């Protein structure tokens, strides 16, 4: 969401994140989707863009997890004394839990081509 005025306080930003998260949660619920990665998009007043993401082992679609993750990502981006023009939350990596392959557990042996 692009705002009519720049957000300057973390409280304002958190309120907007909850509104956005509510819409996202509703869309996920209607679609029956869950995703493992929550991404926060931030556009500052000078149009610089930043994205931060957090991935979970299990797919999520519950409001509390999405919002908690988005708020943590916001705090990690150090929003104090910065004017924010746009905030967005997205979910990706839909589907089943990530399954670790045998290759990941056995380090870096190279496979033969022939």
PDB file of N, CA and C in Angstrom:
ATOM      1  N   UNK A   1       0.833  -1.187   0.000  1.00  0.00           N
ATOM      2  CA  UNK A   1       0.000   0.000   0.000  1.00  0.00           C
ATOM      3  C   UNK A   1       0.876   1.248   0.000  1.00  0.00           C
ATOM      4  N   UNK A   2       0.568   2.154  -0.886  1.00  0.00           N
ATOM      5  CA  UNK A   2       1.214   3.460  -0.898  1.00  0.00           C
ATOM      6  C   UNK A   2       0.346   4.387  -0.070  1.00  0.00           C
ATOM      7  N   UNK A   3       0.964   5.150   0.796  1.00  0.00           N
ATOM      8  CA  UNK A   3       0.215   5.985   1.732  1.00  0.00           C
ATOM      9  C   UNK A   3       0.083   7.409   1.226  1.00  0.00           C
ATOM     10  N   UNK A   4      -0.993   8.078   1.666  1.00  0.00           N
ATOM     11  CA  UNK A   4      -1.249   9.470   1.278  1.00  0.00           C
ATOM     12  C   UNK A   4      -0.209  10.398   1.893  1.00  0.00           C
ATOM     13  N   UNK A   5       0.381   9.978   3.000  1.00  0.00           N
ATOM     14  CA  UNK A   5       1.436  10.740   3.669  1.00  0.00           C
ATOM     15  C   UNK A   5       2.485   9.760   4.161  1.00  0.00           C
ATOM     16  N   UNK A   6       3.697  10.235   4.364  1.00  0.00           N
ATOM     17  CA  UNK A   6       4.784   9.370   4.815  1.00  0.00           C
ATOM     18  C   UNK A   6       4.591   8.981   6.276  1.00  0.00           C
ATOM     19  N   UNK A   7       4.802   7.714   6.568  1.00  0.00           N
ATOM     20  CA  UNK A   7       4.732   7.225   7.946  1.00  0.00           C
ATOM     21  C   UNK A   7       6.059   7.517   8.630  1.00  0.00           C
ATOM     22  N   UNK A   8       5.985   7.985   9.860  1.00  0.00           N
ATOM     23  CA  UNK A   8       7.210   8.341  10.565  1.00  0.00           C
ATOM     24  C   UNK A   8       7.394   7.600  11.881  1.00  0.00           C
ATOM     25  N   UNK A   9       6.336   7.014  12.415  1.00  0.00           N
ATOM     26  CA  UNK A   9       6.476   6.303  13.696  1.00  0.00           C
ATOM     27  C   UNK A   9       6.260   4.806  13.498  1.00  0.00           C
ATOM     28  N   UNK A  10       6.928   4.025  14.318  1.00  0.00           N
ATOM     29  CA  UNK A  10       6.811   2.573  14.252  1.00  0.00           C
ATOM     30  C   UNK A  10       5.375   2.145  14.547  1.00  0.00           C
ATOM     31  N   UNK A  11       4.696   2.880  15.422  1.00  0.00           N
ATOM     32  CA  UNK A  11       3.303   2.556  15.744  1.00  0.00           C
ATOM     33  C   UNK A  11       2.415   2.674  14.506  1.00  0.00           C
ATOM     34  N   UNK A  12       2.583   3.744  13.737  1.00  0.00           N
ATOM     35  CA  UNK A  12       1.826   3.923  12.491  1.00  0.00           C
ATOM     36  C   UNK A  12       2.140   2.782  11.519  1.00  0.00           C
ATOM     37  N   UNK A  13       3.402   2.449  11.422  1.00  0.00           N
ATOM     38  CA  UNK A  13       3.827   1.397  10.501  1.00  0.00           C
ATOM     39  C   UNK A  13       3.222   0.053  10.897  1.00  0.00           C
ATOM     40  N   UNK A  14       3.233  -0.247  12.196  1.00  0.00           N
ATOM     41  CA  UNK A  14       2.650  -1.498  12.683  1.00  0.00           C
ATOM     42  C   UNK A  14       1.147  -1.563  12.425  1.00  0.00           C
ATOM     43  N   UNK A  15       0.453  -0.444  12.593  1.00  0.00           N
ATOM     44  CA  UNK A  15      -0.984  -0.400  12.307  1.00  0.00           C
ATOM     45  C   UNK A  15      -1.242  -0.721  10.831  1.00  0.00           C
ATOM     46  N   UNK A  16      -0.452  -0.131   9.957  1.00  0.00           N
ATOM     47  CA  UNK A  16      -0.615  -0.380   8.525  1.00  0.00           C
ATOM     48  C   UNK A  16      -0.266  -1.823   8.170  1.00  0.00           C
ATOM     49  N   UNK A  17       0.768  -2.371   8.814  1.00  0.00           N
ATOM     50  CA  UNK A  17       1.130  -3.765   8.565  1.00  0.00           C
ATOM     51  C   UNK A  17      -0.019  -4.696   8.950  1.00  0.00           C
ATOM     52  N   UNK A  18      -0.706  -4.381  10.042  1.00  0.00           N
ATOM     53  CA  UNK A  18      -1.832  -5.211  10.460  1.00  0.00           C
ATOM     54  C   UNK A  18      -2.973  -5.146   9.444  1.00  0.00           C
ATOM     55  N   UNK A  19      -3.222  -3.973   8.879  1.00  0.00           N
ATOM     56  CA  UNK A  19      -4.267  -3.848   7.845  1.00  0.00           C
ATOM     57  C   UNK A  19      -3.895  -4.666   6.607  1.00  0.00           C
ATOM     58  N   UNK A  20      -2.642  -4.527   6.189  1.00  0.00           N
ATOM     59  CA  UNK A  20      -2.171  -5.260   5.014  1.00  0.00           C
ATOM     60  C   UNK A  20      -2.187  -6.764   5.287  1.00  0.00           C
ATOM     61  N   UNK A  21      -1.735  -7.145   6.477  1.00  0.00           N
ATOM     62  CA  UNK A  21      -1.711  -8.556   6.862  1.00  0.00           C
ATOM     63  C   UNK A  21      -3.097  -9.170   6.904  1.00  0.00           C
ATOM     64  N   UNK A  22      -4.076  -8.390   7.307  1.00  0.00           N
ATOM     65  CA  UNK A  22      -5.453  -8.871   7.351  1.00  0.00           C
ATOM     66  C   UNK A  22      -5.955  -9.197   5.940  1.00  0.00           C
ATOM     67  N   UNK A  23      -5.651  -8.319   4.994  1.00  0.00           N
ATOM     68  CA  UNK A  23      -6.043  -8.551   3.599  1.00  0.00           C
ATOM     69  C   UNK A  23      -5.326  -9.779   3.046  1.00  0.00           C
ATOM     70  N   UNK A  24      -4.026  -9.881   3.308  1.00  0.00           N
ATOM     71  CA  UNK A  24      -3.240 -11.018   2.832  1.00  0.00           C
ATOM     72  C   UNK A  24      -3.758 -12.322   3.431  1.00  0.00           C
ATOM     73  N   UNK A  25      -4.010 -12.308   4.725  1.00  0.00           N
ATOM     74  CA  UNK A  25      -4.514 -13.501   5.406  1.00  0.00           C
ATOM     75  C   UNK A  25      -5.840 -13.949   4.803  1.00  0.00           C
ATOM     76  N   UNK A  26      -6.711 -12.995   4.541  1.00  0.00           N
ATOM     77  CA  UNK A  26      -8.008 -13.308   3.946  1.00  0.00           C
ATOM     78  C   UNK A  26      -7.833 -13.946   2.563  1.00  0.00           C
ATOM     79  N   UNK A  27      -6.929 -13.408   1.755  1.00  0.00           N
ATOM     80  CA  UNK A  27      -6.676 -13.961   0.415  1.00  0.00           C
ATOM     81  C   UNK A  27      -6.106 -15.376   0.499  1.00  0.00           C
ATOM     82  N   UNK A  28      -5.174 -15.586   1.426  1.00  0.00           N
ATOM     83  CA  UNK A  28      -4.593 -16.916   1.592  1.00  0.00           C
ATOM     84  C   UNK A  28      -5.648 -17.926   2.023  1.00  0.00           C
ATOM     85  N   UNK A  29      -6.492 -17.505   2.947  1.00  0.00           N
ATOM     86  CA  UNK A  29      -7.539 -18.373   3.471  1.00  0.00           C
ATOM     87  C   UNK A  29      -8.528 -18.750   2.364  1.00  0.00           C
ATOM     88  N   UNK A  30      -8.970 -17.756   1.582  1.00  0.00           N
ATOM     89  CA  UNK A  30      -9.913 -18.019   0.490  1.00  0.00           C
ATOM     90  C   UNK A  30      -9.311 -18.943  -0.566  1.00  0.00           C
ATOM     91  N   UNK A  31      -8.005 -18.805  -0.795  1.00  0.00           N
ATOM     92  CA  UNK A  31      -7.336 -19.613  -1.814  1.00  0.00           C
ATOM     93  C   UNK A  31      -6.867 -20.967  -1.288  1.00  0.00           C
ATOM     94  N   UNK A  32      -6.889 -21.124   0.029  1.00  0.00           N
ATOM     95  CA  UNK A  32      -6.407 -22.361   0.625  1.00  0.00           C
ATOM     96  C   UNK A  32      -4.905 -22.535   0.498  1.00  0.00           C
ATOM     97  N   UNK A  33      -4.177 -21.426   0.483  1.00  0.00           N
ATOM     98  CA  UNK A  33      -2.724 -21.475   0.295  1.00  0.00           C
ATOM     99  C   UNK A  33      -1.976 -21.224   1.592  1.00  0.00           C
ATOM    100  N   UNK A  34      -0.796 -21.794   1.668  1.00  0.00           N
ATOM    101  CA  UNK A  34       0.160 -21.534   2.740  1.00  0.00           C
ATOM    102  C   UNK A  34       1.519 -21.354   2.072  1.00  0.00           C
ATOM    103  N   UNK A  35       2.348 -20.521   2.664  1.00  0.00           N
ATOM    104  CA  UNK A  35       3.681 -20.314   2.117  1.00  0.00           C
ATOM    105  C   UNK A  35       4.729 -20.347   3.199  1.00  0.00           C
ATOM    106  N   UNK A  36       5.962 -20.589   2.800  1.00  0.00           N
ATOM    107  CA  UNK A  36       7.053 -20.675   3.778  1.00  0.00           C
ATOM    108  C   UNK A  36       7.822 -19.378   3.934  1.00  0.00           C
ATOM    109  N   UNK A  37       7.681 -18.429   2.997  1.00  0.00           N
ATOM    110  CA  UNK A  37       8.475 -17.200   3.063  1.00  0.00           C
ATOM    111  C   UNK A  37       7.572 -15.977   3.163  1.00  0.00           C
ATOM    112  N   UNK A  38       7.815 -15.166   4.199  1.00  0.00           N
ATOM    113  CA  UNK A  38       7.128 -13.885   4.375  1.00  0.00           C
ATOM    114  C   UNK A  38       8.120 -12.799   3.968  1.00  0.00           C
ATOM    115  N   UNK A  39       7.691 -11.914   3.056  1.00  0.00           N
ATOM    116  CA  UNK A  39       8.554 -10.839   2.576  1.00  0.00           C
ATOM    117  C   UNK A  39       7.911  -9.499   2.883  1.00  0.00           C
ATOM    118  N   UNK A  40       8.705  -8.582   3.397  1.00  0.00           N
ATOM    119  CA  UNK A  40       8.275  -7.215   3.676  1.00  0.00           C
ATOM    120  C   UNK A  40       8.940  -6.289   2.658  1.00  0.00           C
ATOM    121  N   UNK A  41       8.132  -5.457   2.024  1.00  0.00           N
ATOM    122  CA  UNK A  41       8.637  -4.472   1.072  1.00  0.00           C
ATOM    123  C   UNK A  41       8.473  -3.089   1.698  1.00  0.00           C
ATOM    124  N   UNK A  42       9.536  -2.296   1.628  1.00  0.00           N
ATOM    125  CA  UNK A  42       9.532  -0.944   2.197  1.00  0.00           C
ATOM    126  C   UNK A  42      10.034   0.025   1.129  1.00  0.00           C
ATOM    127  N   UNK A  43       9.267   1.091   0.902  1.00  0.00           N
ATOM    128  CA  UNK A  43       9.736   2.160   0.021  1.00  0.00           C
ATOM    129  C   UNK A  43       9.797   3.431   0.870  1.00  0.00           C
ATOM    130  N   UNK A  44      10.952   4.047   0.880  1.00  0.00           N
ATOM    131  CA  UNK A  44      11.171   5.242   1.681  1.00  0.00           C
ATOM    132  C   UNK A  44      10.751   6.495   0.913  1.00  0.00           C
ATOM    133  N   UNK A  45      10.709   7.617   1.590  1.00  0.00           N
ATOM    134  CA  UNK A  45      10.260   8.877   0.982  1.00  0.00           C
ATOM    135  C   UNK A  45      11.127   9.293  -0.206  1.00  0.00           C
ATOM    136  N   UNK A  46      12.377   8.856  -0.214  1.00  0.00           N
ATOM    137  CA  UNK A  46      13.281   9.185  -1.330  1.00  0.00           C
ATOM    138  C   UNK A  46      13.239   8.116  -2.431  1.00  0.00           C
ATOM    139  N   UNK A  47      12.232   7.237  -2.364  1.00  0.00           N
ATOM    140  CA  UNK A  47      11.965   6.179  -3.334  1.00  0.00           C
ATOM    141  C   UNK A  47      12.975   5.036  -3.309  1.00  0.00           C
ATOM    142  N   UNK A  48      13.850   4.991  -2.317  1.00  0.00           N
ATOM    143  CA  UNK A  48      14.718   3.827  -2.159  1.00  0.00           C
ATOM    144  C   UNK A  48      13.848   2.668  -1.702  1.00  0.00           C
ATOM    145  N   UNK A  49      14.147   1.493  -2.216  1.00  0.00           N
ATOM    146  CA  UNK A  49      13.338   0.319  -1.962  1.00  0.00           C
ATOM    147  C   UNK A  49      14.157  -0.715  -1.204  1.00  0.00           C
ATOM    148  N   UNK A  50      13.532  -1.345  -0.218  1.00  0.00           N
ATOM    149  CA  UNK A  50      14.188  -2.408   0.537  1.00  0.00           C
ATOM    150  C   UNK A  50      13.209  -3.563   0.691  1.00  0.00           C
ATOM    151  N   UNK A  51      13.712  -4.773   0.583  1.00  0.00           N
ATOM    152  CA  UNK A  51      12.900  -5.959   0.860  1.00  0.00           C
ATOM    153  C   UNK A  51      13.640  -6.820   1.865  1.00  0.00           C
ATOM    154  N   UNK A  52      12.881  -7.377   2.764  1.00  0.00           N
ATOM    155  CA  UNK A  52      13.417  -8.264   3.786  1.00  0.00           C
ATOM    156  C   UNK A  52      12.509  -9.482   3.827  1.00  0.00           C
ATOM    157  N   UNK A  53      13.075 -10.659   4.040  1.00  0.00           N
ATOM    158  CA  UNK A  53      12.235 -11.846   4.084  1.00  0.00           C
ATOM    159  C   UNK A  53      12.688 -12.806   5.173  1.00  0.00           C
ATOM    160  N   UNK A  54      11.743 -13.642   5.560  1.00  0.00           N
ATOM    161  CA  UNK A  54      12.002 -14.673   6.557  1.00  0.00           C
ATOM    162  C   UNK A  54      11.312 -15.946   6.088  1.00  0.00           C
ATOM    163  N   UNK A  55      12.043 -17.063   6.112  1.00  0.00           N
ATOM    164  CA  UNK A  55      11.468 -18.341   5.687  1.00  0.00           C
ATOM    165  C   UNK A  55      11.286 -19.270   6.879  1.00  0.00           C
ATOM    166  N   UNK A  56      10.203 -20.015   6.829  1.00  0.00           N
ATOM    167  CA  UNK A  56       9.858 -20.987   7.856  1.00  0.00           C
ATOM    168  C   UNK A  56      10.057 -22.392   7.305  1.00  0.00           C
ATOM    169  N   UNK A  57      10.264 -23.349   8.193  1.00  0.00           N
ATOM    170  CA  UNK A  57      10.374 -24.754   7.776  1.00  0.00           C
ATOM    171  C   UNK A  57       9.026 -25.271   7.281  1.00  0.00           C
ATOM    172  N   UNK A  58       7.955 -24.885   7.952  1.00  0.00           N
ATOM    173  CA  UNK A  58       6.601 -25.321   7.604  1.00  0.00           C
ATOM    174  C   UNK A  58       5.844 -24.180   6.952  1.00  0.00           C
ATOM    175  N   UNK A  59       4.973 -24.451   5.989  1.00  0.00           N
ATOM    176  CA  UNK A  59       4.150 -23.396   5.391  1.00  0.00           C
ATOM    177  C   UNK A  59       3.211 -22.768   6.424  1.00  0.00           C
ATOM    178  N   UNK A  60       2.984 -21.473   6.303  1.00  0.00           N
ATOM    179  CA  UNK A  60       2.114 -20.749   7.231  1.00  0.00           C
ATOM    180  C   UNK A  60       1.067 -19.956   6.448  1.00  0.00           C
ATOM    181  N   UNK A  61      -0.051 -19.681   7.114  1.00  0.00           N
ATOM    182  CA  UNK A  61      -1.044 -18.766   6.571  1.00  0.00           C
ATOM    183  C   UNK A  61      -1.840 -18.092   7.677  1.00  0.00           C
ATOM    184  N   UNK A  62      -1.409 -18.266   8.929  1.00  0.00           N
ATOM    185  CA  UNK A  62      -2.156 -17.663  10.026  1.00  0.00           C
ATOM    186  C   UNK A  62      -1.715 -16.211  10.246  1.00  0.00           C
ATOM    187  N   UNK A  63      -2.677 -15.392  10.577  1.00  0.00           N
ATOM    188  CA  UNK A  63      -2.494 -13.950  10.721  1.00  0.00           C
ATOM    189  C   UNK A  63      -1.382 -13.614  11.713  1.00  0.00           C
ATOM    190  N   UNK A  64      -1.393 -14.256  12.867  1.00  0.00           N
ATOM    191  CA  UNK A  64      -0.436 -13.921  13.922  1.00  0.00           C
ATOM    192  C   UNK A  64       1.010 -14.153  13.480  1.00  0.00           C
ATOM    193  N   UNK A  65       1.263 -15.263  12.818  1.00  0.00           N
ATOM    194  CA  UNK A  65       2.623 -15.569  12.358  1.00  0.00           C
ATOM    195  C   UNK A  65       3.078 -14.595  11.285  1.00  0.00           C
ATOM    196  N   UNK A  66       2.186 -14.293  10.348  1.00  0.00           N
ATOM    197  CA  UNK A  66       2.515 -13.366   9.267  1.00  0.00           C
ATOM    198  C   UNK A  66       2.834 -11.985   9.822  1.00  0.00           C
ATOM    199  N   UNK A  67       1.987 -11.483  10.711  1.00  0.00           N
ATOM    200  CA  UNK A  67       2.177 -10.139  11.275  1.00  0.00           C
ATOM    201  C   UNK A  67       3.417 -10.083  12.157  1.00  0.00           C
ATOM    202  N   UNK A  68       3.604 -11.087  12.998  1.00  0.00           N
ATOM    203  CA  UNK A  68       4.787 -11.097  13.868  1.00  0.00           C
ATOM    204  C   UNK A  68       6.059 -11.076  13.030  1.00  0.00           C
ATOM    205  N   UNK A  69       6.080 -11.859  11.963  1.00  0.00           N
ATOM    206  CA  UNK A  69       7.245 -11.901  11.087  1.00  0.00           C
ATOM    207  C   UNK A  69       7.455 -10.553  10.388  1.00  0.00           C
ATOM    208  N   UNK A  70       6.381  -9.961   9.864  1.00  0.00           N
ATOM    209  CA  UNK A  70       6.486  -8.663   9.183  1.00  0.00           C
ATOM    210  C   UNK A  70       6.978  -7.578  10.136  1.00  0.00           C
ATOM    211  N   UNK A  71       6.480  -7.582  11.360  1.00  0.00           N
ATOM    212  CA  UNK A  71       6.911  -6.573  12.343  1.00  0.00           C
ATOM    213  C   UNK A  71       8.377  -6.757  12.719  1.00  0.00           C
ATOM    214  N   UNK A  72       8.813  -8.005  12.845  1.00  0.00           N
ATOM    215  CA  UNK A  72      10.223  -8.258  13.147  1.00  0.00           C
ATOM    216  C   UNK A  72      11.116  -7.800  12.001  1.00  0.00           C
ATOM    217  N   UNK A  73      10.674  -8.055  10.775  1.00  0.00           N
ATOM    218  CA  UNK A  73      11.443  -7.608   9.610  1.00  0.00           C
ATOM    219  C   UNK A  73      11.500  -6.087   9.547  1.00  0.00           C
ATOM    220  N   UNK A  74      10.408  -5.431   9.907  1.00  0.00           N
ATOM    221  CA  UNK A  74      10.388  -3.968   9.941  1.00  0.00           C
ATOM    222  C   UNK A  74      11.382  -3.441  10.965  1.00  0.00           C
ATOM    223  N   UNK A  75      11.353  -3.979  12.166  1.00  0.00           N
ATOM    224  CA  UNK A  75      12.271  -3.541  13.221  1.00  0.00           C
ATOM    225  C   UNK A  75      13.718  -3.789  12.814  1.00  0.00           C
ATOM    226  N   UNK A  76      13.973  -4.909  12.159  1.00  0.00           N
ATOM    227  CA  UNK A  76      15.336  -5.238  11.706  1.00  0.00           C
ATOM    228  C   UNK A  76      15.830  -4.255  10.652  1.00  0.00           C
ATOM    229  N   UNK A  77      14.908  -3.579   9.956  1.00  0.00           N
ATOM    230  CA  UNK A  77      15.318  -2.599   8.941  1.00  0.00           C
ATOM    231  C   UNK A  77      15.574  -1.227   9.550  1.00  0.00           C
ATOM    232  N   UNK A  78      15.452  -1.106  10.871  1.00  0.00           N
ATOM    233  CA  UNK A  78      15.740   0.124  11.610  1.00  0.00           C
ATOM    234  C   UNK A  78      14.947   1.327  11.075  1.00  0.00           C
ATOM    235  N   UNK A  79      13.615   1.300  11.258  1.00  0.00           N
ATOM    236  CA  UNK A  79      12.770   2.345  10.673  1.00  0.00           C
ATOM    237  C   UNK A  79      12.744   3.674  11.434  1.00  0.00           C
ATOM    238  N   UNK A  80      13.387   3.741  12.584  1.00  0.00           N
ATOM    239  CA  UNK A  80      13.366   4.977  13.374  1.00  0.00           C
ATOM    240  C   UNK A  80      13.924   6.148  12.580  1.00  0.00           C
ATOM    241  N   UNK A  81      13.238   7.265  12.661  1.00  0.00           N
ATOM    242  CA  UNK A  81      13.642   8.515  11.999  1.00  0.00           C
ATOM    243  C   UNK A  81      13.705   8.408  10.475  1.00  0.00           C
ATOM    244  N   UNK A  82      12.940   7.483   9.912  1.00  0.00           N
ATOM    245  CA  UNK A  82      12.867   7.352   8.463  1.00  0.00           C
ATOM    246  C   UNK A  82      11.422   7.533   8.038  1.00  0.00           C
ATOM    247  N   UNK A  83      11.218   8.193   6.926  1.00  0.00           N
ATOM    248  CA  UNK A  83       9.876   8.382   6.397  1.00  0.00           C
ATOM    249  C   UNK A  83       9.585   7.267   5.404  1.00  0.00           C
ATOM    250  N   UNK A  84       8.477   6.565   5.647  1.00  0.00           N
ATOM    251  CA  UNK A  84       8.120   5.439   4.795  1.00  0.00           C
ATOM    252  C   UNK A  84       6.877   5.779   3.988  1.00  0.00           C
ATOM    253  N   UNK A  85       6.982   5.578   2.690  1.00  0.00           N
ATOM    254  CA  UNK A  85       5.917   5.910   1.736  1.00  0.00           C
ATOM    255  C   UNK A  85       5.055   4.696   1.401  1.00  0.00           C
ATOM    256  N   UNK A  86       5.643   3.481   1.440  1.00  0.00           N
ATOM    257  CA  UNK A  86       4.926   2.278   1.039  1.00  0.00           C
ATOM    258  C   UNK A  86       5.367   1.101   1.888  1.00  0.00           C
ATOM    259  N   UNK A  87       4.421   0.246   2.253  1.00  0.00           N
ATOM    260  CA  UNK A  87       4.705  -1.021   2.913  1.00  0.00           C
ATOM    261  C   UNK A  87       3.928  -2.108   2.191  1.00  0.00           C
ATOM    262  N   UNK A  88       4.518  -3.278   2.083  1.00  0.00           N
ATOM    263  CA  UNK A  88       3.831  -4.418   1.494  1.00  0.00           C
ATOM    264  C   UNK A  88       4.294  -5.708   2.134  1.00  0.00           C
ATOM    265  N   UNK A  89       3.387  -6.672   2.185  1.00  0.00           N
ATOM    266  CA  UNK A  89       3.717  -7.997   2.710  1.00  0.00           C
ATOM    267  C   UNK A  89       3.321  -9.012   1.650  1.00  0.00           C
ATOM    268  N   UNK A  90       4.196  -9.964   1.400  1.00  0.00           N
ATOM    269  CA  UNK A  90       3.857 -11.039   0.478  1.00  0.00           C
ATOM    270  C   UNK A  90       4.271 -12.385   1.056  1.00  0.00           C
ATOM    271  N   UNK A  91       3.646 -13.409   0.538  1.00  0.00           N
ATOM    272  CA  UNK A  91       3.955 -14.788   0.915  1.00  0.00           C
ATOM    273  C   UNK A  91       4.399 -15.511  -0.351  1.00  0.00           C
ATOM    274  N   UNK A  92       5.424 -16.339  -0.234  1.00  0.00           N
ATOM    275  CA  UNK A  92       5.887 -17.127  -1.368  1.00  0.00           C
ATOM    276  C   UNK A  92       6.338 -18.503  -0.893  1.00  0.00           C
ATOM    277  N   UNK A  93       6.887 -19.274  -1.796  1.00  0.00           N
ATOM    278  CA  UNK A  93       7.297 -20.660  -1.510  1.00  0.00           C
ATOM    279  C   UNK A  93       6.111 -21.467  -1.000  1.00  0.00           C
ATOM    280  N   UNK A  94       5.062 -21.483  -1.823  1.00  0.00           N
ATOM    281  CA  UNK A  94       3.849 -22.202  -1.472  1.00  0.00           C
ATOM    282  C   UNK A  94       4.077 -23.700  -1.538  1.00  0.00           C
ATOM    283  N   UNK A  95       3.274 -24.410  -0.805  1.00  0.00           N
ATOM    284  CA  UNK A  95       3.300 -25.863  -0.921  1.00  0.00           C
ATOM    285  C   UNK A  95       3.696 -26.557   0.340  1.00  0.00           C
ATOM    286  N   UNK A  96       4.292 -27.693   0.157  1.00  0.00           N
ATOM    287  CA  UNK A  96       4.601 -28.589   1.248  1.00  0.00           C
ATOM    288  C   UNK A  96       5.877 -28.173   1.964  1.00  0.00           C
ATOM    289  N   UNK A  97       6.071 -28.709   3.170  1.00  0.00           N
ATOM    290  CA  UNK A  97       7.314 -28.395   3.893  1.00  0.00           C
ATOM    291  C   UNK A  97       8.531 -28.787   3.068  1.00  0.00           C
ATOM    292  N   UNK A  98       9.565 -28.057   3.229  1.00  0.00           N
ATOM    293  CA  UNK A  98      10.804 -28.331   2.501  1.00  0.00           C
ATOM    294  C   UNK A  98      11.377 -29.651   2.984  1.00  0.00           C
ATOM    295  N   UNK A  99      11.690 -30.497   2.045  1.00  0.00           N
ATOM    296  CA  UNK A  99      12.266 -31.801   2.364  1.00  0.00           C
ATOM    297  C   UNK A  99      13.757 -31.732   2.076  1.00  0.00           C
ATOM    298  N   UNK A 100      14.537 -32.082   3.064  1.00  0.00           N
ATOM    299  CA  UNK A 100      15.986 -32.069   2.871  1.00  0.00           C
ATOM    300  C   UNK A 100      16.385 -33.288   2.060  1.00  0.00           C
ATOM    301  N   UNK A 101      17.191 -33.056   1.071  1.00  0.00           N
ATOM    302  CA  UNK A 101      17.648 -34.166   0.247  1.00  0.00           C
ATOM    303  C   UNK A 101      18.874 -34.805   0.882  1.00  0.00           C
ATOM    304  N   UNK A 102      19.148 -36.001   0.447  1.00  0.00           N
ATOM    305  CA  UNK A 102      20.333 -36.711   0.932  1.00  0.00           C
ATOM    306  C   UNK A 102      21.586 -35.928   0.553  1.00  0.00           C
ATOM    307  N   UNK A 103      21.572 -35.271  -0.602  1.00  0.00           N
ATOM    308  CA  UNK A 103      22.716 -34.503  -1.063  1.00  0.00           C
ATOM    309  C   UNK A 103      23.045 -33.369  -0.098  1.00  0.00           C
ATOM    310  N   UNK A 104      22.052 -32.708   0.445  1.00  0.00           N
ATOM    311  CA  UNK A 104      22.317 -31.594   1.355  1.00  0.00           C
ATOM    312  C   UNK A 104      22.975 -32.056   2.640  1.00  0.00           C
ATOM    313  N   UNK A 105      22.645 -33.262   3.060  1.00  0.00           N
ATOM    314  CA  UNK A 105      23.176 -33.766   4.318  1.00  0.00           C
ATOM    315  C   UNK A 105      24.580 -34.333   4.176  1.00  0.00           C
ATOM    316  N   UNK A 106      24.973 -34.695   2.951  1.00  0.00           N
ATOM    317  CA  UNK A 106      26.260 -35.368   2.785  1.00  0.00           C
ATOM    318  C   UNK A 106      27.346 -34.462   2.216  1.00  0.00           C
ATOM    319  N   UNK A 107      27.227 -33.183   2.451  1.00  0.00           N
ATOM    320  CA  UNK A 107      28.233 -32.219   2.039  1.00  0.00           C
ATOM    321  C   UNK A 107      28.304 -32.052   0.530  1.00  0.00           C
ATOM    322  N   UNK A 108      29.520 -32.009  -0.043  1.00  0.00           N
ATOM    323  CA  UNK A 108      29.665 -31.574  -1.436  1.00  0.00           C
ATOM    324  C   UNK A 108      30.300 -32.614  -2.356  1.00  0.00           C
ATOM    325  N   UNK A 109      29.913 -33.855  -2.302  1.00  0.00           N
ATOM    326  CA  UNK A 109      30.389 -34.834  -3.270  1.00  0.00           C
ATOM    327  C   UNK A 109      29.788 -34.500  -4.622  1.00  0.00           C
ATOM    328  N   UNK A 110      30.604 -34.577  -5.668  1.00  0.00           N
ATOM    329  CA  UNK A 110      30.110 -34.248  -7.002  1.00  0.00           C
ATOM    330  C   UNK A 110      29.566 -35.506  -7.681  1.00  0.00           C
ATOM    331  N   UNK A 111      28.406 -35.340  -8.329  1.00  0.00           N
ATOM    332  CA  UNK A 111      27.811 -36.442  -9.052  1.00  0.00           C
ATOM    333  C   UNK A 111      28.514 -36.647 -10.378  1.00  0.00           C
ATOM    334  N   UNK A 112      28.524 -37.876 -10.886  1.00  0.00           N
ATOM    335  CA  UNK A 112      29.107 -38.175 -12.191  1.00  0.00           C
ATOM    336  C   UNK A 112      28.069 -37.916 -13.281  1.00  0.00           C
ATOM    337  N   UNK A 113      28.511 -37.374 -14.401  1.00  0.00           N
ATOM    338  CA  UNK A 113      27.629 -37.126 -15.509  1.00  0.00           C
ATOM    339  C   UNK A 113      27.339 -38.389 -16.310  1.00  0.00           C
ATOM    340  N   UNK A 114      28.308 -39.269 -16.464  1.00  0.00           N
ATOM    341  CA  UNK A 114      28.149 -40.471 -17.300  1.00  0.00           C
ATOM    342  C   UNK A 114      28.451 -41.706 -16.515  1.00  0.00           C
TER     343      UNK A 114
END
